[in-house]
Amino acid sequence: MADIKIAPSVLASDFGKLADEIRAVDQAGCDWIHLDVMDGHFVPNLTFGPPIIQSVREASAKPFDAHLMVSNPDRLLETYQKAGADIITVHAEVCDHLDRTLAQIRELGCRAGVSLNPHTSEDCLRYVLDRLDLVLVMSVNPGFGGQSFIPTVIEKIARIRDMLGGRDVDIEVDGGITPDTAPAVVKAGATALVAGSAVFKGGTVDSYRQNIQAIRDSVKDL
């Protein structure tokens, strides 16, 4: 099995020292930095926007994985690319012209992703398979960190893996990821894991390193 990518969600970090937290998980051995962008409309919470992302871009050379939990994402794509996003993921639930949106993301030089809420069928992906670089499967309801994993998404992950048919597309899973839940999603086909609370425990580089390694160790023999 190829190495699983670990993407710490900064939603669980100390926002008062966000750049330092990003440096810390970078040094701790993460693969991507997951940025949960929330607009208070598509989801009930608010987080941060392009100015904050731009201000912390220098903190890590790792790919910035921007998960846009926003309504009308099309008008924001270039703004997030300019702020430093390397991967831009939009929600299928708010994209009326998903094929066009994904094409625009790629035209900006970013990897293009689609996110599916727990209740959303993967059938909407069938017509954009060749536009995809990433599918983000939500294993909690979006909007808040620290929620419990929804196990019914495991079957959805397996169906998406089969639908992709060997395409070079990452399946990323976000929500309730811990060393206990990671093995099941990786067995089902996940190639990237977003972890917030499970990584940002302890508050030091060493603790973050141990937390990331614990997730890696849980899936290394699969």
C-alpha atoms as a PDB file:
ATOM      1  CA  MET A   1       0.000   0.000   0.000  1.00  0.00           C
ATOM      2  CA  ALA A   2       1.239   3.494  -0.838  1.00  0.00           C
ATOM      3  CA  ASP A   3       2.038   5.820   2.037  1.00  0.00           C
ATOM      4  CA  ILE A   4      -1.039   7.423   3.535  1.00  0.00           C
ATOM      5  CA  LYS A   5      -1.011  11.214   3.585  1.00  0.00           C
ATOM      6  CA  ILE A   6      -1.738  12.880   6.913  1.00  0.00           C
ATOM      7  CA  ALA A   7      -3.323  16.340   6.750  1.00  0.00           C
ATOM      8  CA  PRO A   8      -3.703  18.017  10.149  1.00  0.00           C
ATOM      9  CA  SER A   9      -6.768  20.241  10.297  1.00  0.00           C
ATOM     10  CA  VAL A  10      -5.801  23.617  11.709  1.00  0.00           C
ATOM     11  CA  LEU A  11      -9.394  23.988  12.908  1.00  0.00           C
ATOM     12  CA  ALA A  12      -8.188  22.113  16.007  1.00  0.00           C
ATOM     13  CA  SER A  13      -5.072  24.249  16.484  1.00  0.00           C
ATOM     14  CA  ASP A  14      -4.496  27.340  18.607  1.00  0.00           C
ATOM     15  CA  PHE A  15      -5.595  30.160  16.288  1.00  0.00           C
ATOM     16  CA  GLY A  16      -3.723  32.648  18.451  1.00  0.00           C
ATOM     17  CA  LYS A  17      -0.461  31.207  17.148  1.00  0.00           C
ATOM     18  CA  LEU A  18      -1.600  29.688  13.877  1.00  0.00           C
ATOM     19  CA  ALA A  19       1.677  30.118  11.995  1.00  0.00           C
ATOM     20  CA  ASP A  20       3.594  28.461  14.840  1.00  0.00           C
ATOM     21  CA  GLU A  21       1.114  25.585  14.917  1.00  0.00           C
ATOM     22  CA  ILE A  22       1.557  25.033  11.177  1.00  0.00           C
ATOM     23  CA  ARG A  23       5.342  25.056  11.574  1.00  0.00           C
ATOM     24  CA  ALA A  24       5.001  22.547  14.389  1.00  0.00           C
ATOM     25  CA  VAL A  25       2.946  19.981  12.452  1.00  0.00           C
ATOM     26  CA  ASP A  26       5.250  20.474   9.468  1.00  0.00           C
ATOM     27  CA  GLN A  27       8.241  19.612  11.657  1.00  0.00           C
ATOM     28  CA  ALA A  28       6.237  16.748  13.155  1.00  0.00           C
ATOM     29  CA  GLY A  29       6.026  15.067   9.753  1.00  0.00           C
ATOM     30  CA  CYS A  30       2.626  15.818   8.257  1.00  0.00           C
ATOM     31  CA  ASP A  31       2.107  15.691   4.494  1.00  0.00           C
ATOM     32  CA  TRP A  32      -0.478  18.430   3.863  1.00  0.00           C
ATOM     33  CA  ILE A  33      -1.914  21.332   5.855  1.00  0.00           C
ATOM     34  CA  HIS A  34      -5.728  21.126   5.871  1.00  0.00           C
ATOM     35  CA  LEU A  35      -7.495  24.492   5.930  1.00  0.00           C
ATOM     36  CA  ASP A  36     -11.174  24.424   6.876  1.00  0.00           C
ATOM     37  CA  VAL A  37     -12.747  27.522   5.340  1.00  0.00           C
ATOM     38  CA  MET A  38     -16.283  28.157   6.645  1.00  0.00           C
ATOM     39  CA  ASP A  39     -18.595  30.996   5.675  1.00  0.00           C
ATOM     40  CA  GLY A  40     -21.352  30.850   8.297  1.00  0.00           C
ATOM     41  CA  HIS A  41     -23.861  30.154   5.517  1.00  0.00           C
ATOM     42  CA  PHE A  42     -23.198  26.739   3.980  1.00  0.00           C
ATOM     43  CA  VAL A  43     -22.111  25.648   7.462  1.00  0.00           C
ATOM     44  CA  PRO A  44     -23.042  27.375  10.720  1.00  0.00           C
ATOM     45  CA  ASN A  45     -19.521  28.247  11.814  1.00  0.00           C
ATOM     46  CA  LEU A  46     -17.039  30.897  10.656  1.00  0.00           C
ATOM     47  CA  THR A  47     -13.285  30.378  10.460  1.00  0.00           C
ATOM     48  CA  PHE A  48     -10.918  32.366   8.235  1.00  0.00           C
ATOM     49  CA  GLY A  49     -10.384  33.539   4.680  1.00  0.00           C
ATOM     50  CA  PRO A  50      -7.658  34.358   2.162  1.00  0.00           C
ATOM     51  CA  PRO A  51      -5.827  37.045   4.207  1.00  0.00           C
ATOM     52  CA  ILE A  52      -5.156  34.588   7.036  1.00  0.00           C
ATOM     53  CA  ILE A  53      -4.047  31.862   4.622  1.00  0.00           C
ATOM     54  CA  GLN A  54      -1.709  34.285   2.884  1.00  0.00           C
ATOM     55  CA  SER A  55      -0.273  35.414   6.217  1.00  0.00           C
ATOM     56  CA  VAL A  56       0.669  31.847   7.241  1.00  0.00           C
ATOM     57  CA  ARG A  57       1.744  30.585   3.820  1.00  0.00           C
ATOM     58  CA  GLU A  58       5.405  31.105   4.671  1.00  0.00           C
ATOM     59  CA  ALA A  59       5.092  28.804   7.696  1.00  0.00           C
ATOM     60  CA  SER A  60       5.302  25.615   5.601  1.00  0.00           C
ATOM     61  CA  ALA A  61       6.271  24.437   2.145  1.00  0.00           C
ATOM     62  CA  LYS A  62       3.836  21.518   2.479  1.00  0.00           C
ATOM     63  CA  PRO A  63       0.765  21.633   0.227  1.00  0.00           C
ATOM     64  CA  PHE A  64      -2.039  23.822   1.553  1.00  0.00           C
ATOM     65  CA  ASP A  65      -5.252  21.794   1.273  1.00  0.00           C
ATOM     66  CA  ALA A  66      -8.124  24.319   1.222  1.00  0.00           C
ATOM     67  CA  HIS A  67     -11.540  22.831   1.970  1.00  0.00           C
ATOM     68  CA  LEU A  68     -14.091  25.469   0.983  1.00  0.00           C
ATOM     69  CA  MET A  69     -17.235  24.950   3.047  1.00  0.00           C
ATOM     70  CA  VAL A  70     -18.807  27.981   1.418  1.00  0.00           C
ATOM     71  CA  SER A  71     -21.739  28.874  -0.791  1.00  0.00           C
ATOM     72  CA  ASN A  72     -20.928  30.100  -4.325  1.00  0.00           C
ATOM     73  CA  PRO A  73     -17.277  28.992  -4.287  1.00  0.00           C
ATOM     74  CA  ASP A  74     -16.677  29.821  -7.964  1.00  0.00           C
ATOM     75  CA  ARG A  75     -16.203  33.514  -7.284  1.00  0.00           C
ATOM     76  CA  LEU A  76     -13.543  32.762  -4.655  1.00  0.00           C
ATOM     77  CA  LEU A  77     -11.325  30.252  -6.443  1.00  0.00           C
ATOM     78  CA  GLU A  78      -8.717  32.669  -7.749  1.00  0.00           C
ATOM     79  CA  THR A  79      -8.591  34.493  -4.419  1.00  0.00           C
ATOM     80  CA  TYR A  80      -7.703  31.296  -2.569  1.00  0.00           C
ATOM     81  CA  GLN A  81      -5.181  30.273  -5.203  1.00  0.00           C
ATOM     82  CA  LYS A  82      -3.448  33.632  -4.873  1.00  0.00           C
ATOM     83  CA  ALA A  83      -3.479  33.281  -1.090  1.00  0.00           C
ATOM     84  CA  GLY A  84      -1.445  30.090  -1.393  1.00  0.00           C
ATOM     85  CA  ALA A  85      -3.798  27.123  -1.737  1.00  0.00           C
ATOM     86  CA  ASP A  86      -2.344  24.143  -3.624  1.00  0.00           C
ATOM     87  CA  ILE A  87      -5.469  21.980  -3.425  1.00  0.00           C
ATOM     88  CA  ILE A  88      -8.929  23.542  -3.624  1.00  0.00           C
ATOM     89  CA  THR A  89     -11.904  21.388  -2.688  1.00  0.00           C
ATOM     90  CA  VAL A  90     -15.495  22.507  -3.202  1.00  0.00           C
ATOM     91  CA  HIS A  91     -18.718  20.911  -2.004  1.00  0.00           C
ATOM     92  CA  ALA A  92     -20.867  19.116  -4.554  1.00  0.00           C
ATOM     93  CA  GLU A  93     -23.934  20.333  -2.670  1.00  0.00           C
ATOM     94  CA  VAL A  94     -23.364  23.986  -3.665  1.00  0.00           C
ATOM     95  CA  CYS A  95     -21.931  23.667  -7.185  1.00  0.00           C
ATOM     96  CA  ASP A  96     -24.536  23.994  -9.928  1.00  0.00           C
ATOM     97  CA  HIS A  97     -21.863  23.585 -12.607  1.00  0.00           C
ATOM     98  CA  LEU A  98     -19.406  21.203 -10.986  1.00  0.00           C
ATOM     99  CA  ASP A  99     -17.549  20.303 -14.182  1.00  0.00           C
ATOM    100  CA  ARG A 100     -16.862  23.970 -14.884  1.00  0.00           C
ATOM    101  CA  THR A 101     -15.790  24.666 -11.313  1.00  0.00           C
ATOM    102  CA  LEU A 102     -13.274  21.816 -11.325  1.00  0.00           C
ATOM    103  CA  ALA A 103     -11.912  22.947 -14.683  1.00  0.00           C
ATOM    104  CA  GLN A 104     -11.421  26.453 -13.290  1.00  0.00           C
ATOM    105  CA  ILE A 105      -9.497  25.121 -10.304  1.00  0.00           C
ATOM    106  CA  ARG A 106      -7.130  23.212 -12.568  1.00  0.00           C
ATOM    107  CA  GLU A 107      -6.717  26.230 -14.837  1.00  0.00           C
ATOM    108  CA  LEU A 108      -5.463  28.117 -11.788  1.00  0.00           C
ATOM    109  CA  GLY A 109      -2.743  25.494 -11.353  1.00  0.00           C
ATOM    110  CA  CYS A 110      -4.286  23.845  -8.294  1.00  0.00           C
ATOM    111  CA  ARG A 111      -5.407  20.282  -7.693  1.00  0.00           C
ATOM    112  CA  ALA A 112      -9.194  20.043  -7.892  1.00  0.00           C
ATOM    113  CA  GLY A 113     -11.284  18.324  -5.251  1.00  0.00           C
ATOM    114  CA  VAL A 114     -14.945  17.613  -4.540  1.00  0.00           C
ATOM    115  CA  SER A 115     -16.289  17.105  -1.032  1.00  0.00           C
ATOM    116  CA  LEU A 116     -19.369  15.064  -0.140  1.00  0.00           C
ATOM    117  CA  ASN A 117     -21.302  15.473   3.101  1.00  0.00           C
ATOM    118  CA  PRO A 118     -22.209  12.240   4.927  1.00  0.00           C
ATOM    119  CA  HIS A 119     -25.722  12.176   3.446  1.00  0.00           C
ATOM    120  CA  THR A 120     -24.638  13.032  -0.125  1.00  0.00           C
ATOM    121  CA  SER A 121     -24.518  10.248  -2.702  1.00  0.00           C
ATOM    122  CA  GLU A 122     -21.342   9.692  -4.651  1.00  0.00           C
ATOM    123  CA  ASP A 123     -23.366   9.416  -7.879  1.00  0.00           C
ATOM    124  CA  CYS A 124     -22.690  13.081  -8.649  1.00  0.00           C
ATOM    125  CA  LEU A 125     -19.035  12.191  -9.258  1.00  0.00           C
ATOM    126  CA  ARG A 126     -19.723   9.931 -12.242  1.00  0.00           C
ATOM    127  CA  TYR A 127     -19.768  12.780 -14.732  1.00  0.00           C
ATOM    128  CA  VAL A 128     -16.622  14.541 -13.475  1.00  0.00           C
ATOM    129  CA  LEU A 129     -14.269  11.629 -12.854  1.00  0.00           C
ATOM    130  CA  ASP A 130     -11.652  12.925 -15.276  1.00  0.00           C
ATOM    131  CA  ARG A 131     -11.769  16.410 -13.734  1.00  0.00           C
ATOM    132  CA  LEU A 132     -10.926  15.125 -10.261  1.00  0.00           C
ATOM    133  CA  ASP A 133      -7.663  15.090  -8.378  1.00  0.00           C
ATOM    134  CA  LEU A 134      -9.254  14.436  -4.997  1.00  0.00           C
ATOM    135  CA  VAL A 135     -12.515  13.331  -3.406  1.00  0.00           C
ATOM    136  CA  LEU A 136     -13.036  14.477   0.180  1.00  0.00           C
ATOM    137  CA  VAL A 137     -15.475  12.266   2.059  1.00  0.00           C
ATOM    138  CA  MET A 138     -16.907  13.913   5.159  1.00  0.00           C
ATOM    139  CA  SER A 139     -17.211  11.399   7.988  1.00  0.00           C
ATOM    140  CA  VAL A 140     -18.846  13.984  10.266  1.00  0.00           C
ATOM    141  CA  ASN A 141     -21.324  16.730   9.495  1.00  0.00           C
ATOM    142  CA  PRO A 142     -19.258  19.758   8.471  1.00  0.00           C
ATOM    143  CA  GLY A 143     -18.923  22.915  10.487  1.00  0.00           C
ATOM    144  CA  PHE A 144     -17.333  21.967  13.801  1.00  0.00           C
ATOM    145  CA  GLY A 145     -14.314  19.994  14.973  1.00  0.00           C
ATOM    146  CA  GLY A 146     -14.239  17.259  17.586  1.00  0.00           C
ATOM    147  CA  GLN A 147     -17.225  15.247  16.314  1.00  0.00           C
ATOM    148  CA  SER A 148     -17.563  11.468  16.338  1.00  0.00           C
ATOM    149  CA  PHE A 149     -16.875   9.400  13.229  1.00  0.00           C
ATOM    150  CA  ILE A 150     -19.941   8.293  11.215  1.00  0.00           C
ATOM    151  CA  PRO A 151     -19.217   4.631  10.306  1.00  0.00           C
ATOM    152  CA  THR A 152     -21.698   4.407   7.426  1.00  0.00           C
ATOM    153  CA  VAL A 153     -19.285   6.400   5.240  1.00  0.00           C
ATOM    154  CA  ILE A 154     -16.964   3.388   5.044  1.00  0.00           C
ATOM    155  CA  GLU A 155     -19.166   1.761   2.411  1.00  0.00           C
ATOM    156  CA  LYS A 156     -19.282   5.052   0.500  1.00  0.00           C
ATOM    157  CA  ILE A 157     -15.471   5.215   0.441  1.00  0.00           C
ATOM    158  CA  ALA A 158     -15.317   1.716  -1.045  1.00  0.00           C
ATOM    159  CA  ARG A 159     -17.881   2.605  -3.708  1.00  0.00           C
ATOM    160  CA  ILE A 160     -15.920   5.725  -4.646  1.00  0.00           C
ATOM    161  CA  ARG A 161     -12.723   3.691  -4.896  1.00  0.00           C
ATOM    162  CA  ASP A 162     -14.439   1.311  -7.299  1.00  0.00           C
ATOM    163  CA  MET A 163     -15.956   4.182  -9.280  1.00  0.00           C
ATOM    164  CA  LEU A 164     -12.548   5.803  -9.771  1.00  0.00           C
ATOM    165  CA  GLY A 165     -11.355   2.655 -11.507  1.00  0.00           C
ATOM    166  CA  GLY A 166      -7.653   3.101 -10.883  1.00  0.00           C
ATOM    167  CA  ARG A 167      -7.515   6.819 -11.684  1.00  0.00           C
ATOM    168  CA  ASP A 168      -4.804   8.784  -9.876  1.00  0.00           C
ATOM    169  CA  VAL A 169      -7.261  10.484  -7.538  1.00  0.00           C
ATOM    170  CA  ASP A 170      -6.806  10.787  -3.785  1.00  0.00           C
ATOM    171  CA  ILE A 171      -9.654   9.783  -1.503  1.00  0.00           C
ATOM    172  CA  GLU A 172      -9.408  11.982   1.562  1.00  0.00           C
ATOM    173  CA  VAL A 173     -11.503  11.406   4.683  1.00  0.00           C
ATOM    174  CA  ASP A 174     -12.286  14.160   7.174  1.00  0.00           C
ATOM    175  CA  GLY A 175     -13.963  13.787  10.539  1.00  0.00           C
ATOM    176  CA  GLY A 176     -13.338  11.771  13.676  1.00  0.00           C
ATOM    177  CA  ILE A 177     -10.074  10.304  12.371  1.00  0.00           C
ATOM    178  CA  THR A 178      -8.010   8.652  15.117  1.00  0.00           C
ATOM    179  CA  PRO A 179      -5.738   5.599  15.317  1.00  0.00           C
ATOM    180  CA  ASP A 180      -8.918   3.637  16.087  1.00  0.00           C
ATOM    181  CA  THR A 181     -10.943   4.784  13.062  1.00  0.00           C
ATOM    182  CA  ALA A 182      -8.146   5.178  10.495  1.00  0.00           C
ATOM    183  CA  PRO A 183      -7.694   1.463   9.658  1.00  0.00           C
ATOM    184  CA  ALA A 184     -11.275   0.983   8.470  1.00  0.00           C
ATOM    185  CA  VAL A 185     -11.234   3.985   6.132  1.00  0.00           C
ATOM    186  CA  VAL A 186      -7.846   3.045   4.693  1.00  0.00           C
ATOM    187  CA  LYS A 187      -9.004  -0.528   4.108  1.00  0.00           C
ATOM    188  CA  ALA A 188     -11.998   0.907   2.252  1.00  0.00           C
ATOM    189  CA  GLY A 189      -9.756   2.952  -0.042  1.00  0.00           C
ATOM    190  CA  ALA A 190      -8.748   6.211   1.640  1.00  0.00           C
ATOM    191  CA  THR A 191      -5.331   7.585   0.677  1.00  0.00           C
ATOM    192  CA  ALA A 192      -5.344  10.778   2.769  1.00  0.00           C
ATOM    193  CA  LEU A 193      -6.567  11.383   6.308  1.00  0.00           C
ATOM    194  CA  VAL A 194      -7.587  14.697   7.832  1.00  0.00           C
ATOM    195  CA  ALA A 195      -7.099  14.699  11.589  1.00  0.00           C
ATOM    196  CA  GLY A 196      -7.665  17.633  13.894  1.00  0.00           C
ATOM    197  CA  SER A 197      -8.126  16.798  17.549  1.00  0.00           C
ATOM    198  CA  ALA A 198      -6.120  13.582  17.182  1.00  0.00           C
ATOM    199  CA  VAL A 199      -3.055  15.543  16.008  1.00  0.00           C
ATOM    200  CA  PHE A 200      -3.274  18.786  17.978  1.00  0.00           C
ATOM    201  CA  LYS A 201      -3.082  17.135  21.402  1.00  0.00           C
ATOM    202  CA  GLY A 202      -0.237  18.025  23.709  1.00  0.00           C
ATOM    203  CA  GLY A 203       0.698  21.401  22.274  1.00  0.00           C
ATOM    204  CA  THR A 204       4.315  20.602  21.320  1.00  0.00           C
ATOM    205  CA  VAL A 205       6.170  19.446  18.230  1.00  0.00           C
ATOM    206  CA  ASP A 206       7.062  16.192  19.983  1.00  0.00           C
ATOM    207  CA  SER A 207       3.460  15.450  20.923  1.00  0.00           C
ATOM    208  CA  TYR A 208       2.268  16.256  17.410  1.00  0.00           C
ATOM    209  CA  ARG A 209       4.950  13.953  16.006  1.00  0.00           C
ATOM    210  CA  GLN A 210       3.813  11.140  18.288  1.00  0.00           C
ATOM    211  CA  ASN A 211       0.175  11.724  17.359  1.00  0.00           C
ATOM    212  CA  ILE A 212       0.882  11.684  13.624  1.00  0.00           C
ATOM    213  CA  GLN A 213       3.027   8.582  13.977  1.00  0.00           C
ATOM    214  CA  ALA A 214       0.284   6.830  15.943  1.00  0.00           C
ATOM    215  CA  ILE A 215      -2.098   7.318  13.017  1.00  0.00           C
ATOM    216  CA  ARG A 216       0.541   6.095  10.545  1.00  0.00           C
ATOM    217  CA  ASP A 217       1.306   3.057  12.703  1.00  0.00           C
ATOM    218  CA  SER A 218      -2.378   2.141  12.856  1.00  0.00           C
ATOM    219  CA  VAL A 219      -2.516   1.656   9.075  1.00  0.00           C
ATOM    220  CA  LYS A 220       1.026   0.610   8.184  1.00  0.00           C
ATOM    221  CA  ASP A 221       0.353  -3.127   7.952  1.00  0.00           C
ATOM    222  CA  LEU A 222      -2.853  -2.918   5.913  1.00  0.00           C
END
